[in-house]
């Protein structure tokens, strides 16, 4: 991405995290490092293909939405992080359904691999708006081929997503409020069922954050659910009244999401205060040479950002700026 006025364009990105459950115990019990290293090499290579395959299948059915394919952002330990730019709110259901399907299909593959049967996957989905509140950081690195541009993403919404990752388990895929909002206002998608629990406190966050999650059991009640009297999940659309109440309360760092490129006027309308804040950023950039929309740092070496293969056939610190 080149430098210029696009630093300040409105943009909303969806982030996804997938991690192996039970990986620490598996490494400790493995006979040698070669055994577990092979498992993780396969995971890093195969899961992105799995996600892309299911995304392609779903996006073909909704070709008119022209959703961008997700790509690998980076690897962090045993975790794979994905990112994609959202252009229309209806696209979020495609990314979410493909992600859930990939989690389950890859977990099923592990169950048929003997010693790997005790492993599983957990995942999280969240969103962040740019350039106000959250920022892109462009790193310029050099390799034998020449100069390479790499992007990283910083900000309170990006941080919040990593906090949600701590709540993920073999059933629950936590989602951020903006992702829940776009699912709630999108077309009915029978494969997506949401659960809701008491808001959870997170380190560095002034108020508890809503705990909304996608049900990997797709709403099917388990025997444990029945014994404990757990209520079944609901369709995302049922969250609409609660979301409106949440926005009315003006909870810090939670605001109604918008997408400038969305043909739906209820999503494409940009709040006046957000436009004013972006103008302030642009003016400050012109006066001081400082860019909040995308900082640029030159470095001698940076971690590579592996691209998502073509289909076959330390996290940030605290940021108290308001977000979008």
Protein backbone atom coordinates (compact mmCIF):
# COMPACT_ATOMS: atom_id res chain seq x y z
CA UNK A 1 0.00 0.00 0.00
CA UNK A 2 1.43 3.28 -0.97
CA UNK A 3 1.81 6.35 1.11
CA UNK A 4 -0.54 9.25 0.53
CA UNK A 5 -4.12 10.30 1.10
CA UNK A 6 -5.23 6.67 1.60
CA UNK A 7 -3.66 6.89 5.05
CA UNK A 8 -6.84 8.60 6.18
CA UNK A 9 -9.49 6.67 4.29
CA UNK A 10 -12.25 5.09 6.33
CA UNK A 11 -11.68 1.38 6.72
CA UNK A 12 -13.02 -1.41 8.92
CA UNK A 13 -11.16 -4.67 9.28
CA UNK A 14 -12.18 -8.04 10.61
CA UNK A 15 -9.55 -9.96 12.59
CA UNK A 16 -9.59 -13.68 13.38
CA UNK A 17 -7.46 -15.73 15.75
CA UNK A 18 -7.12 -19.51 15.84
CA UNK A 19 -5.07 -21.42 18.38
CA UNK A 20 -4.49 -25.06 19.30
CA UNK A 21 -6.06 -26.17 22.58
CA UNK A 22 -3.85 -28.50 24.63
CA UNK A 23 -0.68 -27.58 22.77
CA UNK A 24 1.45 -26.97 25.88
CA UNK A 25 0.72 -30.42 27.35
CA UNK A 26 1.21 -32.02 23.93
CA UNK A 27 4.68 -30.47 23.57
CA UNK A 28 5.67 -31.60 27.05
CA UNK A 29 4.49 -35.16 26.48
CA UNK A 30 5.89 -35.53 22.96
CA UNK A 31 8.87 -37.86 22.73
CA UNK A 32 10.96 -35.29 20.90
CA UNK A 33 10.61 -31.83 19.40
CA UNK A 34 10.33 -33.27 15.91
CA UNK A 35 6.95 -34.84 16.72
CA UNK A 36 5.19 -31.68 17.87
CA UNK A 37 7.05 -29.47 15.39
CA UNK A 38 5.54 -31.49 12.54
CA UNK A 39 2.04 -30.96 13.97
CA UNK A 40 2.46 -27.21 14.12
CA UNK A 41 4.03 -26.97 10.68
CA UNK A 42 0.98 -28.76 9.31
CA UNK A 43 -1.35 -26.48 11.28
CA UNK A 44 0.33 -23.29 10.02
CA UNK A 45 0.22 -24.58 6.45
CA UNK A 46 -3.13 -26.36 6.36
CA UNK A 47 -5.53 -24.26 8.45
CA UNK A 48 -5.22 -21.13 6.27
CA UNK A 49 -6.05 -23.33 3.27
CA UNK A 50 -8.98 -24.82 5.18
CA UNK A 51 -10.36 -21.36 6.00
CA UNK A 52 -9.85 -20.16 2.44
CA UNK A 53 -11.54 -23.23 0.95
CA UNK A 54 -14.69 -22.79 3.04
CA UNK A 55 -14.67 -19.04 2.41
CA UNK A 56 -14.49 -19.63 -1.34
CA UNK A 57 -17.39 -22.07 -1.21
CA UNK A 58 -19.61 -19.65 0.71
CA UNK A 59 -18.59 -16.56 -1.24
CA UNK A 60 -19.46 -18.28 -4.54
CA UNK A 61 -23.02 -18.58 -3.24
CA UNK A 62 -23.01 -14.85 -2.41
CA UNK A 63 -20.96 -13.65 -5.37
CA UNK A 64 -22.78 -10.31 -5.53
CA UNK A 65 -21.16 -9.30 -2.22
CA UNK A 66 -17.63 -9.59 -3.71
CA UNK A 67 -16.04 -10.27 -0.33
CA UNK A 68 -12.25 -10.02 -0.11
CA UNK A 69 -10.54 -13.30 0.86
CA UNK A 70 -9.02 -13.40 4.36
CA UNK A 71 -5.24 -13.45 4.56
CA UNK A 72 -2.73 -14.41 7.20
CA UNK A 73 -1.67 -11.34 9.17
CA UNK A 74 1.02 -13.04 11.25
CA UNK A 75 1.89 -15.97 13.49
CA UNK A 76 2.20 -15.41 17.26
CA UNK A 77 3.47 -18.49 19.07
CA UNK A 78 0.96 -21.28 18.35
CA UNK A 79 -1.61 -18.77 17.07
CA UNK A 80 -2.53 -17.79 13.51
CA UNK A 81 -3.97 -14.31 13.02
CA UNK A 82 -6.01 -13.36 9.96
CA UNK A 83 -7.15 -9.98 8.69
CA UNK A 84 -9.48 -8.80 5.95
CA UNK A 85 -11.05 -5.48 5.04
CA UNK A 86 -14.85 -5.43 5.27
CA UNK A 87 -16.67 -3.43 2.61
CA UNK A 88 -20.29 -4.40 3.37
CA UNK A 89 -21.85 -5.55 6.63
CA UNK A 90 -23.44 -8.60 4.94
CA UNK A 91 -19.96 -9.99 4.25
CA UNK A 92 -19.32 -10.66 7.94
CA UNK A 93 -21.64 -13.69 7.95
CA UNK A 94 -19.53 -15.29 5.20
CA UNK A 95 -16.28 -14.81 7.14
CA UNK A 96 -17.89 -16.04 10.38
CA UNK A 97 -19.53 -19.14 8.90
CA UNK A 98 -16.39 -20.10 6.96
CA UNK A 99 -14.30 -19.66 10.12
CA UNK A 100 -16.62 -21.85 12.24
CA UNK A 101 -16.67 -24.51 9.53
CA UNK A 102 -12.88 -24.47 9.25
CA UNK A 103 -12.51 -24.81 13.04
CA UNK A 104 -14.77 -27.85 13.09
CA UNK A 105 -13.45 -29.57 9.96
CA UNK A 106 -9.82 -29.20 11.05
CA UNK A 107 -10.68 -30.40 14.56
CA UNK A 108 -12.33 -33.46 13.02
CA UNK A 109 -9.13 -34.14 11.08
CA UNK A 110 -7.13 -34.04 14.32
CA UNK A 111 -9.50 -36.53 15.93
CA UNK A 112 -8.60 -39.06 13.25
CA UNK A 113 -4.85 -38.73 13.81
CA UNK A 114 -4.41 -40.97 16.84
CA UNK A 115 -2.17 -39.16 19.31
CA UNK A 116 -3.54 -35.80 18.13
CA UNK A 117 -7.13 -36.65 19.08
CA UNK A 118 -6.77 -34.79 22.39
CA UNK A 119 -5.98 -31.55 20.57
CA UNK A 120 -8.59 -29.05 19.44
CA UNK A 121 -8.91 -25.52 18.13
CA UNK A 122 -10.30 -22.33 19.61
CA UNK A 123 -11.02 -19.10 17.78
CA UNK A 124 -12.07 -15.46 18.11
CA UNK A 125 -13.46 -12.84 15.69
CA UNK A 126 -13.35 -9.09 16.18
CA UNK A 127 -13.37 -5.83 14.27
CA UNK A 128 -11.64 -2.44 14.35
CA UNK A 129 -12.21 0.80 12.48
CA UNK A 130 -9.49 3.03 11.01
CA UNK A 131 -8.00 5.69 10.90
CA UNK A 132 -9.58 7.28 14.02
CA UNK A 133 -8.70 5.51 17.26
CA UNK A 134 -6.94 2.54 15.64
CA UNK A 135 -3.94 2.90 13.35
CA UNK A 136 -1.98 1.06 10.71
CA UNK A 137 1.77 0.91 11.16
CA UNK A 138 3.77 0.34 8.01
CA UNK A 139 7.22 -1.20 8.39
CA UNK A 140 9.72 -0.88 5.57
CA UNK A 141 12.09 -3.82 5.55
CA UNK A 142 14.81 -4.94 3.17
CA UNK A 143 15.56 -8.42 1.87
CA UNK A 144 17.62 -9.84 -0.97
CA UNK A 145 14.92 -8.82 -3.44
CA UNK A 146 14.73 -5.20 -2.27
CA UNK A 147 12.40 -3.19 -0.03
CA UNK A 148 9.26 -4.81 1.41
CA UNK A 149 6.32 -3.05 3.06
CA UNK A 150 4.65 -4.77 6.02
CA UNK A 151 1.54 -3.66 7.91
CA UNK A 152 0.74 -3.98 11.59
CA UNK A 153 -2.34 -2.73 13.42
CA UNK A 154 -2.54 -0.96 16.78
CA UNK A 155 -5.29 0.49 18.90
CA UNK A 156 -7.82 -0.21 21.66
CA UNK A 157 -10.16 -2.22 19.42
CA UNK A 158 -7.26 -4.39 18.26
CA UNK A 159 -6.25 -4.87 21.90
CA UNK A 160 -9.82 -5.72 22.91
CA UNK A 161 -9.86 -8.56 20.42
CA UNK A 162 -6.80 -10.14 21.99
CA UNK A 163 -8.51 -9.91 25.38
CA UNK A 164 -11.54 -11.70 23.95
CA UNK A 165 -9.22 -14.50 22.81
CA UNK A 166 -8.75 -15.48 26.47
CA UNK A 167 -12.47 -16.38 26.66
CA UNK A 168 -12.44 -18.73 23.65
CA UNK A 169 -12.90 -22.46 24.14
CA UNK A 170 -13.92 -25.58 22.22
CA UNK A 171 -17.51 -24.31 21.93
CA UNK A 172 -17.45 -20.53 22.17
CA UNK A 173 -15.99 -18.17 19.56
CA UNK A 174 -16.06 -14.71 21.20
CA UNK A 175 -16.98 -11.80 18.93
CA UNK A 176 -16.71 -8.05 19.38
CA UNK A 177 -19.75 -5.78 19.57
CA UNK A 178 -19.27 -4.36 16.07
CA UNK A 179 -19.13 -7.87 14.56
CA UNK A 180 -22.30 -8.78 16.49
CA UNK A 181 -23.97 -5.61 15.17
CA UNK A 182 -23.17 -6.40 11.54
CA UNK A 183 -24.37 -9.99 11.93
CA UNK A 184 -27.55 -8.78 13.65
CA UNK A 185 -28.38 -6.44 10.76
CA UNK A 186 -27.38 -8.80 7.97
CA UNK A 187 -29.57 -11.34 6.18
CA UNK A 188 -30.76 -14.37 8.10
CA UNK A 189 -28.00 -16.97 8.24
CA UNK A 190 -29.27 -20.25 9.79
CA UNK A 191 -25.78 -21.56 10.49
CA UNK A 192 -24.95 -18.74 12.90
CA UNK A 193 -26.19 -18.84 16.49
CA UNK A 194 -25.01 -16.48 19.22
CA UNK A 195 -24.74 -16.90 22.96
CA UNK A 196 -24.62 -14.09 25.49
CA UNK A 197 -23.24 -13.97 29.03
CA UNK A 198 -22.55 -11.38 31.69
CA UNK A 199 -19.98 -8.77 30.56
CA UNK A 200 -16.43 -9.62 31.56
CA UNK A 201 -13.79 -7.34 33.00
CA UNK A 202 -10.47 -7.13 31.17
CA UNK A 203 -7.12 -5.77 32.26
CA UNK A 204 -6.70 -2.13 31.29
CA UNK A 205 -10.35 -1.68 30.25
CA UNK A 206 -12.37 0.84 32.32
CA UNK A 207 -15.66 -1.09 32.08
CA UNK A 208 -16.63 -4.75 31.61
CA UNK A 209 -16.95 -5.71 27.94
CA UNK A 210 -19.95 -7.64 26.57
CA UNK A 211 -19.33 -11.37 26.20
CA UNK A 212 -21.04 -12.42 22.97
CA UNK A 213 -20.00 -15.63 21.26
CA UNK A 214 -20.75 -17.72 18.20
CA UNK A 215 -21.86 -21.23 19.04
CA UNK A 216 -19.76 -23.89 17.35
CA UNK A 217 -22.57 -26.38 18.07
CA UNK A 218 -24.81 -24.22 15.85
CA UNK A 219 -27.52 -24.04 18.54
CA UNK A 220 -27.74 -27.75 19.27
CA UNK A 221 -28.32 -28.31 22.97
CA UNK A 222 -25.83 -30.68 24.56
CA UNK A 223 -26.56 -33.08 27.41
CA UNK A 224 -24.62 -30.75 29.70
CA UNK A 225 -26.75 -27.80 28.56
CA UNK A 226 -29.88 -29.75 29.46
CA UNK A 227 -28.62 -30.77 32.90
CA UNK A 228 -27.49 -27.25 33.78
CA UNK A 229 -30.59 -25.59 32.39
CA UNK A 230 -28.67 -23.46 29.90
CA UNK A 231 -30.83 -21.56 27.47
CA UNK A 232 -30.19 -22.22 23.77
CA UNK A 233 -28.46 -19.65 21.61
CA UNK A 234 -30.39 -17.14 19.52
CA UNK A 235 -30.26 -15.77 16.00
CA UNK A 236 -28.00 -12.68 15.74
CA UNK A 237 -31.01 -10.50 14.83
CA UNK A 238 -32.36 -10.94 18.37
CA UNK A 239 -29.44 -8.83 19.65
CA UNK A 240 -30.73 -5.67 17.94
CA UNK A 241 -32.73 -4.16 20.87
CA UNK A 242 -29.91 -4.83 23.31
CA UNK A 243 -27.35 -3.27 20.95
CA UNK A 244 -29.44 -0.12 20.61
CA UNK A 245 -29.61 0.17 24.41
CA UNK A 246 -25.84 -0.30 24.57
CA UNK A 247 -25.20 2.54 22.13
CA UNK A 248 -27.62 4.78 24.01
CA UNK A 249 -25.59 4.24 27.20
CA UNK A 250 -22.49 5.50 25.34
CA UNK A 251 -20.21 2.88 26.86
CA UNK A 252 -16.54 3.89 26.37
CA UNK A 253 -14.87 2.36 23.30
CA UNK A 254 -18.17 0.96 21.99
CA UNK A 255 -19.90 2.78 19.15
CA UNK A 256 -22.17 1.93 16.26
CA UNK A 257 -19.93 0.67 13.40
CA UNK A 258 -20.01 2.23 9.94
CA UNK A 259 -18.55 1.32 6.56
CA UNK A 260 -18.18 4.09 4.03
CA UNK A 261 -18.38 1.60 1.13
CA UNK A 262 -21.59 -0.09 2.33
CA UNK A 263 -24.57 0.54 0.01
CA UNK A 264 -26.89 0.39 3.04
CA UNK A 265 -27.36 4.02 4.25
CA UNK A 266 -27.67 2.96 7.89
CA UNK A 267 -24.06 1.72 7.67
CA UNK A 268 -22.50 4.17 5.20
CA UNK A 269 -23.47 7.31 7.13
CA UNK A 270 -20.36 8.73 8.81
CA UNK A 271 -20.99 10.49 12.15
CA UNK A 272 -20.13 14.19 12.01
CA UNK A 273 -17.86 13.98 15.05
CA UNK A 274 -15.83 11.21 13.40
CA UNK A 275 -15.32 13.29 10.27
CA UNK A 276 -14.18 16.20 12.43
CA UNK A 277 -11.69 14.02 14.29
CA UNK A 278 -10.29 12.66 11.05
CA UNK A 279 -9.87 16.19 9.73
CA UNK A 280 -7.94 17.07 12.88
CA UNK A 281 -5.62 14.12 12.24
CA UNK A 282 -5.05 15.20 8.66
CA UNK A 283 -4.33 18.79 9.71
CA UNK A 284 -1.94 17.66 12.42
CA UNK A 285 -0.18 15.41 9.92
CA UNK A 286 0.31 18.33 7.54
CA UNK A 287 1.60 20.60 10.30
CA UNK A 288 3.81 18.20 12.22
CA UNK A 289 4.62 15.42 9.77
CA UNK A 290 2.92 12.96 12.14
CA UNK A 291 0.53 10.38 10.76
CA UNK A 292 -1.96 8.64 13.02
CA UNK A 293 -3.63 6.88 10.13
CA UNK A 294 -0.45 4.97 9.28
CA UNK A 295 2.88 5.42 11.03
CA UNK A 296 5.95 4.42 9.07
CA UNK A 297 9.04 2.84 10.59
CA UNK A 298 12.16 1.74 8.79
CA UNK A 299 13.85 -1.32 10.19
CA UNK A 300 16.69 -3.57 9.26
CA UNK A 301 14.72 -6.73 9.95
CA UNK A 302 11.05 -7.40 10.49
CA UNK A 303 9.09 -10.61 10.93
CA UNK A 304 7.70 -11.76 7.62
CA UNK A 305 3.99 -11.56 6.94
CA UNK A 306 3.23 -14.87 5.21
CA UNK A 307 0.57 -14.56 2.50
CA UNK A 308 -2.42 -16.86 2.53
CA UNK A 309 -1.65 -19.68 0.06
CA UNK A 310 -3.83 -19.93 -3.02
CA UNK A 311 -6.57 -22.56 -2.52
CA UNK A 312 -6.09 -25.92 -4.27
CA UNK A 313 -9.08 -26.21 -6.84
CA UNK A 314 3.93 -8.51 21.42
CA UNK A 315 0.59 -7.29 21.22
CA UNK A 316 -0.09 -3.64 21.61
CA UNK A 317 -0.12 -1.61 24.79
CA UNK A 318 -3.07 0.33 26.10
CA UNK A 319 -4.65 3.13 24.08
CA UNK A 320 -7.47 5.18 25.57
CA UNK A 321 -8.41 7.01 22.37
CA UNK A 322 -12.11 6.67 21.45
CA UNK A 323 -12.71 4.12 18.73
CA UNK A 324 -14.98 3.45 15.82
